[in-house]
Amino acid sequence: MTQPDDRIPMHHPHTAARVFSGEAVIITPAENKVRLLNTVGSRVWELADGTRTVDEIAGVLTGEFDVDLAHAQESATQFVDELATKGLLAFV
């Protein structure tokens, strides 16, 4: 059993992003980098709006994609951590 993840991710204020046809484009002007996310990553990005915990994001993913809750929680936690490490997400 995984530990609850009650962190609340939000977009880092130094990023700019848009979602086009279900795929997020994230720009970090200070680094002059553009990143593209796949469909699932883009959905996590959309849901990381400062109002949901990582576990709540995982719950939404189970309803929208063919994935069980334990796998969604593990994947969402890892992906959110990766985006935070890259300076794309922060936590409330």
Protein backbone atom coordinates (compact mmCIF):
# COMPACT_ATOMS: atom_id res chain seq x y z
CA MET A 1 0.00 0.00 0.00
CA THR A 2 1.31 3.42 -0.92
CA GLN A 3 1.46 6.32 1.50
CA PRO A 4 -1.15 9.04 0.99
CA ASP A 5 0.15 11.98 -1.03
CA ASP A 6 -1.71 15.06 0.15
CA ARG A 7 0.64 17.58 -1.47
CA ILE A 8 -1.15 20.09 -3.67
CA PRO A 9 0.78 20.79 -6.87
CA MET A 10 0.40 23.99 -8.86
CA HIS A 11 2.06 25.45 -11.92
CA HIS A 12 5.28 27.22 -11.07
CA PRO A 13 4.79 30.97 -11.49
CA HIS A 14 7.81 31.17 -13.82
CA THR A 15 6.21 28.95 -16.46
CA ALA A 16 3.81 29.65 -19.28
CA ALA A 17 1.67 26.88 -20.72
CA ARG A 18 -1.14 26.08 -23.10
CA VAL A 19 -2.94 22.84 -23.89
CA PHE A 20 -3.62 22.22 -27.57
CA SER A 21 -5.65 19.19 -28.64
CA GLY A 22 -4.98 17.49 -25.31
CA GLU A 23 -1.22 18.06 -25.31
CA ALA A 24 0.43 20.59 -23.01
CA VAL A 25 3.18 22.91 -24.18
CA ILE A 26 5.14 24.32 -21.24
CA ILE A 27 7.60 27.16 -21.63
CA THR A 28 10.20 28.22 -19.09
CA PRO A 29 11.30 31.63 -20.36
CA ALA A 30 14.30 31.89 -18.00
CA GLU A 31 15.76 28.71 -19.49
CA ASN A 32 14.37 29.35 -22.96
CA LYS A 33 12.99 25.78 -23.00
CA VAL A 34 9.81 24.35 -24.45
CA ARG A 35 8.49 21.02 -23.21
CA LEU A 36 5.70 18.93 -24.69
CA LEU A 37 3.69 16.47 -22.61
CA ASN A 38 1.80 13.41 -23.81
CA THR A 39 -1.93 12.99 -23.21
CA VAL A 40 -1.69 11.61 -19.67
CA GLY A 41 1.05 14.04 -18.66
CA SER A 42 -1.00 16.88 -20.08
CA ARG A 43 -4.00 15.81 -18.04
CA VAL A 44 -1.88 15.76 -14.88
CA TRP A 45 -0.65 19.25 -15.82
CA GLU A 46 -4.23 20.49 -16.21
CA LEU A 47 -5.26 18.97 -12.88
CA ALA A 48 -2.23 20.41 -11.03
CA ASP A 49 -4.00 23.73 -10.59
CA GLY A 50 -3.44 24.24 -6.87
CA THR A 51 -6.82 22.83 -5.81
CA ARG A 52 -6.25 19.05 -5.84
CA THR A 53 -3.89 16.75 -3.98
CA VAL A 54 -1.72 14.31 -5.90
CA ASP A 55 -4.02 11.49 -4.71
CA GLU A 56 -7.07 13.38 -6.00
CA ILE A 57 -5.34 13.80 -9.37
CA ALA A 58 -4.70 10.04 -9.40
CA GLY A 59 -8.38 9.44 -8.68
CA VAL A 60 -9.39 11.54 -11.70
CA LEU A 61 -6.94 9.61 -13.88
CA THR A 62 -8.52 6.28 -12.91
CA GLY A 63 -11.87 7.57 -14.15
CA GLU A 64 -10.49 8.87 -17.44
CA PHE A 65 -7.85 6.27 -18.35
CA ASP A 66 -7.69 2.49 -18.05
CA VAL A 67 -5.56 2.37 -14.89
CA ASP A 68 -6.09 1.09 -11.35
CA LEU A 69 -5.81 3.46 -8.39
CA ALA A 70 -2.54 2.10 -6.98
CA HIS A 71 -0.76 2.46 -10.33
CA ALA A 72 -2.27 5.92 -10.89
CA GLN A 73 -1.11 7.07 -7.45
CA GLU A 74 2.43 5.81 -8.00
CA SER A 75 2.66 7.28 -11.50
CA ALA A 76 1.12 10.63 -10.54
CA THR A 77 3.50 10.97 -7.58
CA GLN A 78 6.54 10.18 -9.72
CA PHE A 79 5.46 12.52 -12.54
CA VAL A 80 4.62 15.41 -10.21
CA ASP A 81 7.99 14.96 -8.49
CA GLU A 82 9.74 14.99 -11.88
CA LEU A 83 7.97 18.20 -12.93
CA ALA A 84 8.78 19.80 -9.56
CA THR A 85 12.45 18.84 -9.91
CA LYS A 86 12.49 20.56 -13.32
CA GLY A 87 10.96 23.69 -11.77
CA LEU A 88 7.66 23.34 -13.63
CA LEU A 89 5.48 22.63 -10.59
CA ALA A 90 5.51 23.97 -7.05
CA PHE A 91 3.37 23.03 -4.07
CA VAL A 92 0.73 25.07 -2.25
